[in-house]
């Protein structure tokens, strides 16, 4: 299997991805999809996103934090200080690297993605962070899976995978 650099995110009908550095919805089925997709691989997020998770490390995955702070440290993470440093790390290991936010981090890796995994949460929410407008030329839809709302998931959502 060829390793990939992958953007993975969930957005509402207006491309909203966050509120106060957190997800605007609670969808256990979508979180389960995220966990199953990324388990055993590596995640990269910005420091603000990491802080919004209360600096919680997601088990079973290597975690890279992109920060300008050269003194930044946290237990269980790999700090990187530039896109180039993150790409060098990616090149020298054998895991997929999932870019998981926030908005400026998604944009910073725009020209490097091999795959995009977008969850469309079917609804409109209040928030303050939107997914950036990426150039998706060269990507084609590979698969789409619809998940119906149920007693634990208040909203329908669709996961679409795009390949370059």
Protein backbone atom coordinates (compact mmCIF):
# COMPACT_ATOMS: atom_id res chain seq x y z
CA UNK A 1 0.00 0.00 0.00
CA UNK A 2 1.29 3.44 -0.91
CA UNK A 3 1.09 5.87 1.96
CA UNK A 4 -1.02 8.98 1.47
CA UNK A 5 -1.33 12.53 2.73
CA UNK A 6 -5.04 12.96 3.43
CA UNK A 7 -7.31 15.81 4.52
CA UNK A 8 -10.18 14.54 6.68
CA UNK A 9 -12.91 16.82 7.97
CA UNK A 10 -16.60 17.24 8.70
CA UNK A 11 -18.55 20.32 7.60
CA UNK A 12 -22.16 21.47 7.62
CA UNK A 13 -24.17 22.67 4.62
CA UNK A 14 -22.40 26.08 4.84
CA UNK A 15 -18.86 24.57 5.18
CA UNK A 16 -18.77 25.27 8.94
CA UNK A 17 -16.22 23.07 10.75
CA UNK A 18 -15.91 24.58 14.22
CA UNK A 19 -17.26 26.64 17.08
CA UNK A 20 -14.99 27.80 19.90
CA UNK A 21 -12.28 25.36 18.72
CA UNK A 22 -14.67 22.39 18.93
CA UNK A 23 -17.03 20.51 16.60
CA UNK A 24 -20.47 22.17 16.34
CA UNK A 25 -22.31 18.80 16.56
CA UNK A 26 -22.13 15.48 18.36
CA UNK A 27 -22.33 12.52 16.00
CA UNK A 28 -20.96 9.31 17.59
CA UNK A 29 -21.27 7.40 14.28
CA UNK A 30 -19.14 10.02 12.50
CA UNK A 31 -16.53 9.95 15.30
CA UNK A 32 -16.45 6.15 14.97
CA UNK A 33 -15.82 6.52 11.22
CA UNK A 34 -12.96 8.96 11.98
CA UNK A 35 -11.45 6.55 14.53
CA UNK A 36 -11.68 3.51 12.23
CA UNK A 37 -10.23 5.48 9.30
CA UNK A 38 -7.25 6.96 11.16
CA UNK A 39 -6.39 4.17 13.64
CA UNK A 40 -2.77 3.05 13.38
CA UNK A 41 -1.85 6.05 11.23
CA UNK A 42 -0.65 9.60 11.97
CA UNK A 43 -2.59 12.81 12.58
CA UNK A 44 -1.40 16.36 12.08
CA UNK A 45 -3.20 19.34 13.56
CA UNK A 46 -2.45 22.89 14.49
CA UNK A 47 -1.73 23.89 18.06
CA UNK A 48 -5.07 25.75 18.39
CA UNK A 49 -6.99 22.61 17.36
CA UNK A 50 -4.92 20.57 19.83
CA UNK A 51 -5.68 23.07 22.59
CA UNK A 52 -9.39 22.86 21.67
CA UNK A 53 -9.17 19.10 22.36
CA UNK A 54 -7.73 19.94 25.79
CA UNK A 55 -4.41 18.60 24.48
CA UNK A 56 -5.87 15.09 24.49
CA UNK A 57 -3.93 12.55 22.45
CA UNK A 58 -6.12 10.20 20.41
CA UNK A 59 -4.95 6.67 21.21
CA UNK A 60 -3.48 4.38 18.56
CA UNK A 61 -2.25 7.20 16.33
CA UNK A 62 0.92 9.26 16.15
CA UNK A 63 0.15 12.94 16.65
CA UNK A 64 2.04 15.80 15.05
CA UNK A 65 1.34 19.37 16.16
CA UNK A 66 2.18 22.18 13.73
CA UNK A 67 3.16 25.30 15.68
CA UNK A 68 5.34 28.37 15.22
CA UNK A 69 6.38 28.10 18.89
CA UNK A 70 9.84 26.53 18.80
CA UNK A 71 9.58 25.73 22.55
CA UNK A 72 6.19 23.97 22.31
CA UNK A 73 6.07 20.63 24.09
CA UNK A 74 3.31 18.26 25.15
CA UNK A 75 3.42 14.63 26.20
CA UNK A 76 2.99 12.12 23.40
CA UNK A 77 3.22 14.48 20.42
CA UNK A 78 5.75 15.27 17.72
CA UNK A 79 6.09 19.04 17.29
CA UNK A 80 6.74 20.34 13.76
CA UNK A 81 7.30 23.98 12.91
CA UNK A 82 6.63 24.16 9.17
CA UNK A 83 4.83 22.38 6.36
CA UNK A 84 8.26 21.35 5.03
CA UNK A 85 9.24 19.77 8.36
CA UNK A 86 5.95 17.85 8.44
CA UNK A 87 6.45 16.66 4.86
CA UNK A 88 9.99 15.53 5.70
CA UNK A 89 8.63 13.53 8.64
CA UNK A 90 5.97 12.01 6.34
CA UNK A 91 8.56 11.04 3.73
CA UNK A 92 10.74 9.23 6.29
CA UNK A 93 8.11 6.88 7.75
CA UNK A 94 5.44 4.46 6.50
CA UNK A 95 2.10 5.73 7.84
CA UNK A 96 -0.64 7.72 6.15
CA UNK A 97 -0.75 11.29 7.45
CA UNK A 98 -4.23 12.70 8.11
CA UNK A 99 -4.51 16.48 8.28
CA UNK A 100 -7.27 17.16 10.83
CA UNK A 101 -7.39 20.95 11.20
CA UNK A 102 -7.86 23.75 11.70
CA UNK A 103 -8.75 25.78 8.63
CA UNK A 104 -5.32 27.36 8.04
CA UNK A 105 -3.63 23.96 8.41
CA UNK A 106 -5.91 22.40 5.78
CA UNK A 107 -5.06 25.27 3.43
CA UNK A 108 -1.30 25.03 4.10
CA UNK A 109 -1.17 21.42 2.82
CA UNK A 110 -3.51 22.04 -0.15
CA UNK A 111 -1.04 21.15 -2.90
CA UNK A 112 0.17 17.97 -1.16
CA UNK A 113 -3.02 15.93 -0.69
CA UNK A 114 -3.41 12.52 -2.33
CA UNK A 115 -6.90 11.99 -0.92
CA UNK A 116 -9.73 13.98 0.68
CA UNK A 117 -12.30 12.50 3.07
CA UNK A 118 -15.19 14.90 3.58
CA UNK A 119 -18.10 14.31 5.92
CA UNK A 120 -21.10 16.48 5.00
CA UNK A 121 -23.29 16.92 8.05
CA UNK A 122 -26.75 17.65 6.66
CA UNK A 123 -27.75 20.72 8.64
CA UNK A 124 -26.77 24.31 9.39
CA UNK A 125 -25.05 25.16 12.66
CA UNK A 126 -23.70 28.21 14.46
CA UNK A 127 -19.95 28.58 14.62
CA UNK A 128 -16.84 30.56 13.82
CA UNK A 129 -14.55 28.39 11.67
CA UNK A 130 -15.17 27.36 8.06
CA UNK A 131 -13.39 24.89 5.82
CA UNK A 132 -11.14 26.82 3.43
CA UNK A 133 -11.82 27.03 -0.28
CA UNK A 134 -9.40 24.45 -1.72
CA UNK A 135 -8.49 23.91 -5.36
CA UNK A 136 -9.97 20.46 -6.01
CA UNK A 137 -8.95 20.21 -9.65
CA UNK A 138 -7.32 16.86 -10.25
CA UNK A 139 -9.53 15.09 -7.68
CA UNK A 140 -12.32 12.71 -8.58
CA UNK A 141 -15.02 11.26 -6.37
CA UNK A 142 -14.11 7.70 -5.42
CA UNK A 143 -16.93 6.74 -3.05
CA UNK A 144 -19.87 8.14 -1.14
CA UNK A 145 -21.61 6.63 1.89
CA UNK A 146 -24.82 8.02 3.42
CA UNK A 147 -25.51 7.59 7.16
CA UNK A 148 -29.08 8.11 8.35
CA UNK A 149 -29.80 9.87 11.64
CA UNK A 150 -30.83 7.65 14.53
CA UNK A 151 -31.41 7.81 18.28
CA UNK A 152 -27.73 8.64 18.96
CA UNK A 153 -26.99 10.74 15.86
CA UNK A 154 -29.32 13.71 15.43
CA UNK A 155 -28.33 14.47 11.83
CA UNK A 156 -27.87 12.57 8.57
CA UNK A 157 -24.38 12.76 7.12
CA UNK A 158 -22.54 11.63 4.01
CA UNK A 159 -18.87 10.63 3.78
CA UNK A 160 -17.31 11.30 0.38
CA UNK A 161 -13.81 10.17 -0.57
CA UNK A 162 -11.93 11.97 -3.34
CA UNK A 163 -8.72 10.66 -4.95
CA UNK A 164 -6.11 12.56 -6.93
